[in-house]
Amino acid sequence: MIVGVETGGTKVVCASAYEQAPTRLVDAVTIPTADPVSTIGAIRRAVDRLGGPTGAAALGVAAFGPLDVDPASPRYGYVTSTPKPGWSQTDLLGPLRAGREAPTALTTDVNAAAIAEHHARGAAAPANLAYLTVGTGIGSGVLVDGHVVGGTGFPEVAHLRVVRHPDDDFAGVCPFHGDCLEGLASGPAIARRWGSDASHLPGARRAAAVDIEAFYLAQVAETLRYLVGTDLLVLGGGVAKTPGLLAAVTARIGGDGAAAGSGRASLRVEKAVLGDHAGVTGALLLAAGRLEGAWAVG
């Protein structure tokens, strides 16, 4: 049995699968994300249970970041300068591997989700795909020609500076930059600006919230297209479930002439076909690949 772990800002998902069928979850456990000590302890116990009597044959970990994913770094597997309270400079991978002989693979939660969403689309998957999660934080995993972009790092879209919506004077919630993308468009930003998540706002206020959110998310979508030629943007995370948001982002893309002269077909925006299991499915795919010798980490 292989085990995958996806850590998120509000919850952790741990799941098991057979090596020969890593995308078919056999069992899963959800853990609230609390302080590092109690959360990592709960993850260890979940991995022990899911791995069965003989223990997990391989472990895949997909974690929120910023995350040190350079195996040569002395802080490999650390969550670094995250805005998640209490988690900055936390060794995540070390305690999860302690006492285990199973091979381990590590990447960011969004890279894992991008891998899983690409895999789920089979032969129809575009070579250039980006997964954008919008929830407690904002992050993106990017595939170019079917390969993850980043090497020992990853594209950090959360803190991109964005053009302000003309009707938005919200100061932003990012502790580092204030009104960067994450500061203006994350779940906490929406809740602080409007007093609620967008899905529960009444008619006109919901429409305004969706319009402002789409304005910012379309900018990062166009940025990814400019930089790496993204053909498909997969939208995931809690905010992505807001009614009407996906259509609003699609309508915004290219509306400022961003697609002009690109020589490419229109950028498509789709919801995650794997839903909330995209990240942990990617972690399981990494674990299966680690057994096959496809991942030189851990």
Protein backbone atom coordinates (compact mmCIF):
# COMPACT_ATOMS: atom_id res chain seq x y z
CA MET A 1 0.00 0.00 0.00
CA ILE A 2 1.25 3.50 -0.83
CA VAL A 3 0.23 6.63 1.07
CA GLY A 4 -0.18 10.23 -0.05
CA VAL A 5 -0.38 13.31 2.15
CA GLU A 6 -1.60 16.74 1.09
CA THR A 7 -1.26 19.55 3.63
CA GLY A 8 -3.44 22.62 3.24
CA GLY A 9 -4.13 25.83 5.09
CA THR A 10 -7.25 24.51 6.79
CA LYS A 11 -7.02 20.73 6.44
CA VAL A 12 -4.71 17.83 5.67
CA VAL A 13 -5.83 14.90 3.50
CA CYS A 14 -4.08 11.55 3.85
CA ALA A 15 -5.01 8.68 1.52
CA SER A 16 -3.92 5.18 0.58
CA ALA A 17 -3.96 3.32 -2.72
CA TYR A 18 -2.43 0.27 -4.32
CA GLU A 19 0.80 0.89 -6.21
CA GLN A 20 -0.72 -0.45 -9.43
CA ALA A 21 -3.70 1.94 -9.18
CA PRO A 22 -2.46 5.10 -7.45
CA THR A 23 -5.41 7.26 -8.54
CA ARG A 24 -8.01 4.97 -6.94
CA LEU A 25 -8.19 5.94 -3.29
CA VAL A 26 -8.72 2.97 -0.98
CA ASP A 27 -9.08 4.95 2.24
CA ALA A 28 -8.72 8.58 3.28
CA VAL A 29 -8.43 10.61 6.48
CA THR A 30 -8.99 14.35 6.88
CA ILE A 31 -7.17 16.23 9.65
CA PRO A 32 -7.70 19.89 10.62
CA THR A 33 -4.57 21.99 10.14
CA ALA A 34 -3.71 23.27 13.61
CA ASP A 35 -0.27 24.01 15.10
CA PRO A 36 2.70 22.17 13.52
CA VAL A 37 3.40 19.78 16.41
CA SER A 38 -0.14 18.44 16.79
CA THR A 39 -0.82 18.42 13.06
CA ILE A 40 2.35 16.56 12.11
CA GLY A 41 1.72 14.09 14.93
CA ALA A 42 -1.77 13.43 13.59
CA ILE A 43 -0.38 12.96 10.07
CA ARG A 44 2.14 10.39 11.33
CA ARG A 45 -0.62 8.42 13.02
CA ALA A 46 -2.77 8.55 9.86
CA VAL A 47 0.13 7.35 7.69
CA ASP A 48 0.76 4.48 10.09
CA ARG A 49 -2.88 3.39 9.93
CA LEU A 50 -3.26 3.81 6.18
CA GLY A 51 -0.01 1.98 5.45
CA GLY A 52 -1.36 -1.20 7.02
CA PRO A 53 0.45 -3.81 9.13
CA THR A 54 3.64 -3.72 7.07
CA GLY A 55 3.74 0.07 6.75
CA ALA A 56 3.54 2.24 3.65
CA ALA A 57 5.61 0.96 0.72
CA ALA A 58 6.18 4.59 -0.36
CA LEU A 59 5.08 8.01 0.84
CA GLY A 60 4.21 11.02 -1.29
CA VAL A 61 3.95 14.42 0.37
CA ALA A 62 2.37 17.47 -1.26
CA ALA A 63 2.59 20.50 1.02
CA PHE A 64 1.53 24.09 1.11
CA GLY A 65 4.37 26.54 0.88
CA PRO A 66 6.57 28.28 0.37
CA LEU A 67 8.39 24.96 0.62
CA ASP A 68 12.06 24.00 0.31
CA VAL A 69 12.02 21.19 -2.26
CA ASP A 70 15.75 21.10 -3.00
CA PRO A 71 17.10 17.71 -1.80
CA ALA A 72 20.57 19.25 -1.47
CA SER A 73 19.36 21.95 0.91
CA PRO A 74 19.91 21.54 4.67
CA ARG A 75 16.31 22.73 5.08
CA TYR A 76 14.83 20.32 2.56
CA GLY A 77 11.21 19.62 3.43
CA TYR A 78 10.77 22.80 5.48
CA VAL A 79 7.81 25.12 5.15
CA THR A 80 9.62 28.46 4.91
CA SER A 81 8.26 32.02 5.05
CA THR A 82 4.57 31.19 4.95
CA PRO A 83 1.82 33.58 6.12
CA LYS A 84 0.19 30.57 7.84
CA PRO A 85 0.51 31.51 11.55
CA GLY A 86 2.96 29.35 13.47
CA TRP A 87 4.19 27.40 10.44
CA SER A 88 7.13 29.49 9.24
CA GLN A 89 10.44 27.55 9.26
CA THR A 90 8.72 24.27 10.18
CA ASP A 91 10.38 20.96 9.35
CA LEU A 92 7.49 19.02 7.82
CA LEU A 93 9.21 16.20 5.99
CA GLY A 94 11.77 15.24 8.63
CA PRO A 95 9.26 14.14 11.29
CA LEU A 96 7.14 12.34 8.68
CA ARG A 97 10.15 10.31 7.49
CA ALA A 98 11.64 9.66 10.93
CA GLY A 99 11.80 5.95 11.67
CA ARG A 100 10.55 4.96 8.22
CA GLU A 101 12.51 3.16 5.52
CA ALA A 102 9.92 3.76 2.80
CA PRO A 103 11.07 5.93 -0.12
CA THR A 104 9.57 9.41 -0.06
CA ALA A 105 8.65 11.97 -2.72
CA LEU A 106 8.03 15.64 -1.96
CA THR A 107 6.54 18.52 -3.92
CA THR A 108 4.19 21.43 -3.41
CA ASP A 109 0.45 20.87 -3.12
CA VAL A 110 -0.19 22.73 -6.37
CA ASN A 111 2.47 20.82 -8.31
CA ALA A 112 0.88 17.58 -7.16
CA ALA A 113 -2.57 18.80 -8.18
CA ALA A 114 -1.28 19.84 -11.60
CA ILE A 115 0.28 16.40 -12.11
CA ALA A 116 -2.96 14.67 -11.07
CA GLU A 117 -5.21 16.86 -13.22
CA HIS A 118 -2.95 16.31 -16.23
CA HIS A 119 -2.97 12.55 -15.61
CA ALA A 120 -6.76 12.49 -15.19
CA ARG A 121 -7.27 13.97 -18.66
CA GLY A 122 -5.29 11.18 -20.32
CA ALA A 123 -4.48 11.55 -24.00
CA ALA A 124 -6.65 14.68 -24.20
CA ALA A 125 -4.48 16.57 -21.70
CA PRO A 126 -2.75 19.64 -23.15
CA ALA A 127 1.02 19.68 -22.90
CA ASN A 128 0.96 23.04 -21.11
CA LEU A 129 -1.34 23.02 -18.09
CA ALA A 130 -1.45 25.13 -14.95
CA TYR A 131 -3.35 24.39 -11.76
CA LEU A 132 -4.35 27.44 -9.72
CA THR A 133 -5.67 26.95 -6.22
CA VAL A 134 -7.53 29.79 -4.54
CA GLY A 135 -8.40 29.25 -0.91
CA THR A 136 -6.63 30.10 2.34
CA GLY A 137 -3.73 31.03 0.07
CA ILE A 138 -3.09 31.15 -3.66
CA GLY A 139 -0.63 28.96 -5.52
CA SER A 140 0.02 27.49 -8.93
CA GLY A 141 1.61 24.33 -10.27
CA VAL A 142 2.72 24.60 -13.89
CA LEU A 143 3.40 21.89 -16.47
CA VAL A 144 5.19 22.67 -19.72
CA ASP A 145 5.40 19.88 -22.29
CA GLY A 146 4.00 17.63 -19.58
CA HIS A 147 6.81 18.36 -17.11
CA VAL A 148 6.63 20.30 -13.86
CA VAL A 149 8.24 23.74 -14.03
CA GLY A 150 10.41 24.61 -11.06
CA GLY A 151 13.23 22.14 -10.61
CA THR A 152 14.23 22.76 -7.00
CA GLY A 153 11.72 25.59 -6.68
CA PHE A 154 8.32 26.47 -8.11
CA PRO A 155 6.53 29.42 -9.70
CA GLU A 156 5.34 31.70 -6.87
CA VAL A 157 2.26 33.45 -8.23
CA ALA A 158 0.70 34.31 -4.87
CA HIS A 159 2.70 37.47 -4.42
CA LEU A 160 2.50 38.86 -7.94
CA ARG A 161 1.52 42.51 -8.07
CA VAL A 162 -1.75 42.99 -9.93
CA VAL A 163 -3.56 45.91 -11.50
CA ARG A 164 -6.22 47.18 -9.13
CA HIS A 165 -9.89 46.74 -9.95
CA PRO A 166 -11.32 50.28 -10.36
CA ASP A 167 -13.97 49.61 -7.69
CA ASP A 168 -11.67 47.96 -5.16
CA ASP A 169 -10.03 50.03 -2.41
CA PHE A 170 -9.44 47.08 -0.05
CA ALA A 171 -5.99 47.30 1.57
CA GLY A 172 -5.23 43.56 1.27
CA VAL A 173 -4.37 40.90 3.84
CA CYS A 174 -0.89 39.70 2.86
CA PRO A 175 1.45 40.21 5.84
CA PHE A 176 4.36 40.74 3.46
CA HIS A 177 2.94 42.91 0.65
CA GLY A 178 -0.59 43.90 1.55
CA ASP A 179 -2.25 44.10 -1.86
CA CYS A 180 -0.48 41.42 -3.89
CA LEU A 181 -2.60 38.73 -5.62
CA GLU A 182 -2.97 36.67 -2.43
CA GLY A 183 -3.61 39.78 -0.40
CA LEU A 184 -6.52 40.75 -2.64
CA ALA A 185 -7.98 37.49 -3.99
CA SER A 186 -7.48 34.72 -1.39
CA GLY A 187 -10.33 33.38 0.73
CA PRO A 188 -9.31 35.46 3.77
CA ALA A 189 -9.15 38.57 1.58
CA ILE A 190 -12.69 37.99 0.31
CA ALA A 191 -13.99 37.37 3.83
CA ARG A 192 -12.29 40.49 5.21
CA ARG A 193 -13.44 42.68 2.31
CA TRP A 194 -17.06 41.51 2.24
CA GLY A 195 -17.65 40.10 5.71
CA SER A 196 -18.40 36.66 4.24
CA ASP A 197 -17.27 34.24 1.56
CA ALA A 198 -18.67 35.22 -1.83
CA SER A 199 -21.01 32.22 -2.09
CA HIS A 200 -23.11 33.46 0.83
CA LEU A 201 -23.43 37.09 -0.24
CA PRO A 202 -26.79 38.37 -1.50
CA GLY A 203 -27.37 39.06 -5.21
CA ALA A 204 -25.72 42.40 -6.07
CA ARG A 205 -22.93 42.03 -3.52
CA ARG A 206 -22.13 38.52 -4.77
CA ALA A 207 -22.00 39.77 -8.37
CA ALA A 208 -19.61 42.55 -7.33
CA ALA A 209 -17.43 40.12 -5.38
CA VAL A 210 -17.27 37.68 -8.32
CA ASP A 211 -16.41 40.50 -10.73
CA ILE A 212 -13.52 41.73 -8.57
CA GLU A 213 -12.22 38.20 -7.96
CA ALA A 214 -12.38 37.30 -11.66
CA PHE A 215 -10.55 40.54 -12.51
CA TYR A 216 -7.57 39.45 -10.39
CA LEU A 217 -7.56 35.76 -11.30
CA ALA A 218 -7.72 36.54 -15.02
CA GLN A 219 -4.54 38.57 -14.63
CA VAL A 220 -2.58 35.64 -13.21
CA ALA A 221 -4.04 33.36 -15.90
CA GLU A 222 -2.83 35.73 -18.61
CA THR A 223 0.56 36.06 -16.91
CA LEU A 224 1.03 32.28 -17.01
CA ARG A 225 0.03 32.28 -20.67
CA TYR A 226 2.52 35.00 -21.50
CA LEU A 227 5.37 33.30 -19.63
CA VAL A 228 4.98 29.60 -20.45
CA GLY A 229 2.21 29.33 -23.05
CA THR A 230 -0.38 27.77 -20.76
CA ASP A 231 -3.24 26.23 -22.76
CA LEU A 232 -5.44 25.09 -19.88
CA LEU A 233 -5.88 26.67 -16.47
CA VAL A 234 -7.46 24.33 -13.91
CA LEU A 235 -9.11 26.24 -11.09
CA GLY A 236 -9.27 24.58 -7.67
CA GLY A 237 -9.62 25.44 -3.99
CA GLY A 238 -12.55 26.62 -1.93
CA VAL A 239 -12.97 30.00 -3.63
CA ALA A 240 -13.14 28.27 -7.03
CA LYS A 241 -16.49 26.79 -5.95
CA THR A 242 -18.11 30.24 -5.92
CA PRO A 243 -21.07 30.14 -8.33
CA GLY A 244 -20.33 32.00 -11.56
CA LEU A 245 -16.63 32.55 -10.87
CA LEU A 246 -15.22 30.20 -13.49
CA ALA A 247 -17.36 31.75 -16.22
CA ALA A 248 -16.41 35.24 -15.05
CA VAL A 249 -12.68 34.44 -15.21
CA THR A 250 -13.12 32.99 -18.70
CA ALA A 251 -14.94 36.13 -19.82
CA ARG A 252 -12.18 38.36 -18.44
CA ILE A 253 -9.30 36.54 -20.15
CA GLY A 254 -8.24 38.34 -23.28
CA GLY A 255 -10.70 41.13 -22.67
CA ASP A 256 -7.85 43.63 -22.41
CA GLY A 257 -6.20 42.43 -25.62
CA ALA A 258 -3.84 40.11 -23.76
CA ALA A 259 -4.35 37.31 -26.29
CA ALA A 260 -3.59 39.54 -29.27
CA GLY A 261 -0.51 38.50 -31.19
CA SER A 262 0.04 35.34 -29.17
CA GLY A 263 -0.53 33.08 -32.15
CA ARG A 264 -2.25 30.57 -29.87
CA ALA A 265 -5.83 29.45 -29.38
CA SER A 266 -7.76 30.91 -26.47
CA LEU A 267 -6.70 29.92 -22.97
CA ARG A 268 -9.28 27.54 -21.50
CA VAL A 269 -10.37 27.60 -17.87
CA GLU A 270 -11.86 24.47 -16.28
CA LYS A 271 -12.71 23.29 -12.81
CA ALA A 272 -10.64 20.49 -11.28
CA VAL A 273 -12.03 17.14 -12.44
CA LEU A 274 -10.61 15.51 -9.30
CA GLY A 275 -12.19 18.13 -7.05
CA ASP A 276 -10.78 18.27 -3.54
CA HIS A 277 -8.74 15.10 -4.13
CA ALA A 278 -6.45 16.54 -6.81
CA GLY A 279 -3.57 17.26 -4.44
CA VAL A 280 -3.60 13.96 -2.56
CA THR A 281 -4.00 12.04 -5.83
CA GLY A 282 -0.88 13.78 -7.10
CA ALA A 283 0.91 12.78 -3.90
CA LEU A 284 -0.06 9.16 -4.51
CA LEU A 285 1.17 9.36 -8.11
CA LEU A 286 4.50 10.65 -6.77
CA ALA A 287 4.67 7.80 -4.27
CA ALA A 288 4.03 5.25 -7.01
CA GLY A 289 6.66 6.89 -9.19
CA ARG A 290 9.15 6.80 -6.32
CA LEU A 291 8.78 3.01 -6.14
CA GLU A 292 9.48 2.87 -9.87
CA GLY A 293 12.61 4.95 -9.45
CA ALA A 294 11.10 7.94 -11.24
CA TRP A 295 11.71 10.41 -8.42
CA ALA A 296 15.20 11.00 -7.08
CA VAL A 297 14.05 12.57 -3.81
CA GLY A 298 13.89 11.20 -0.30
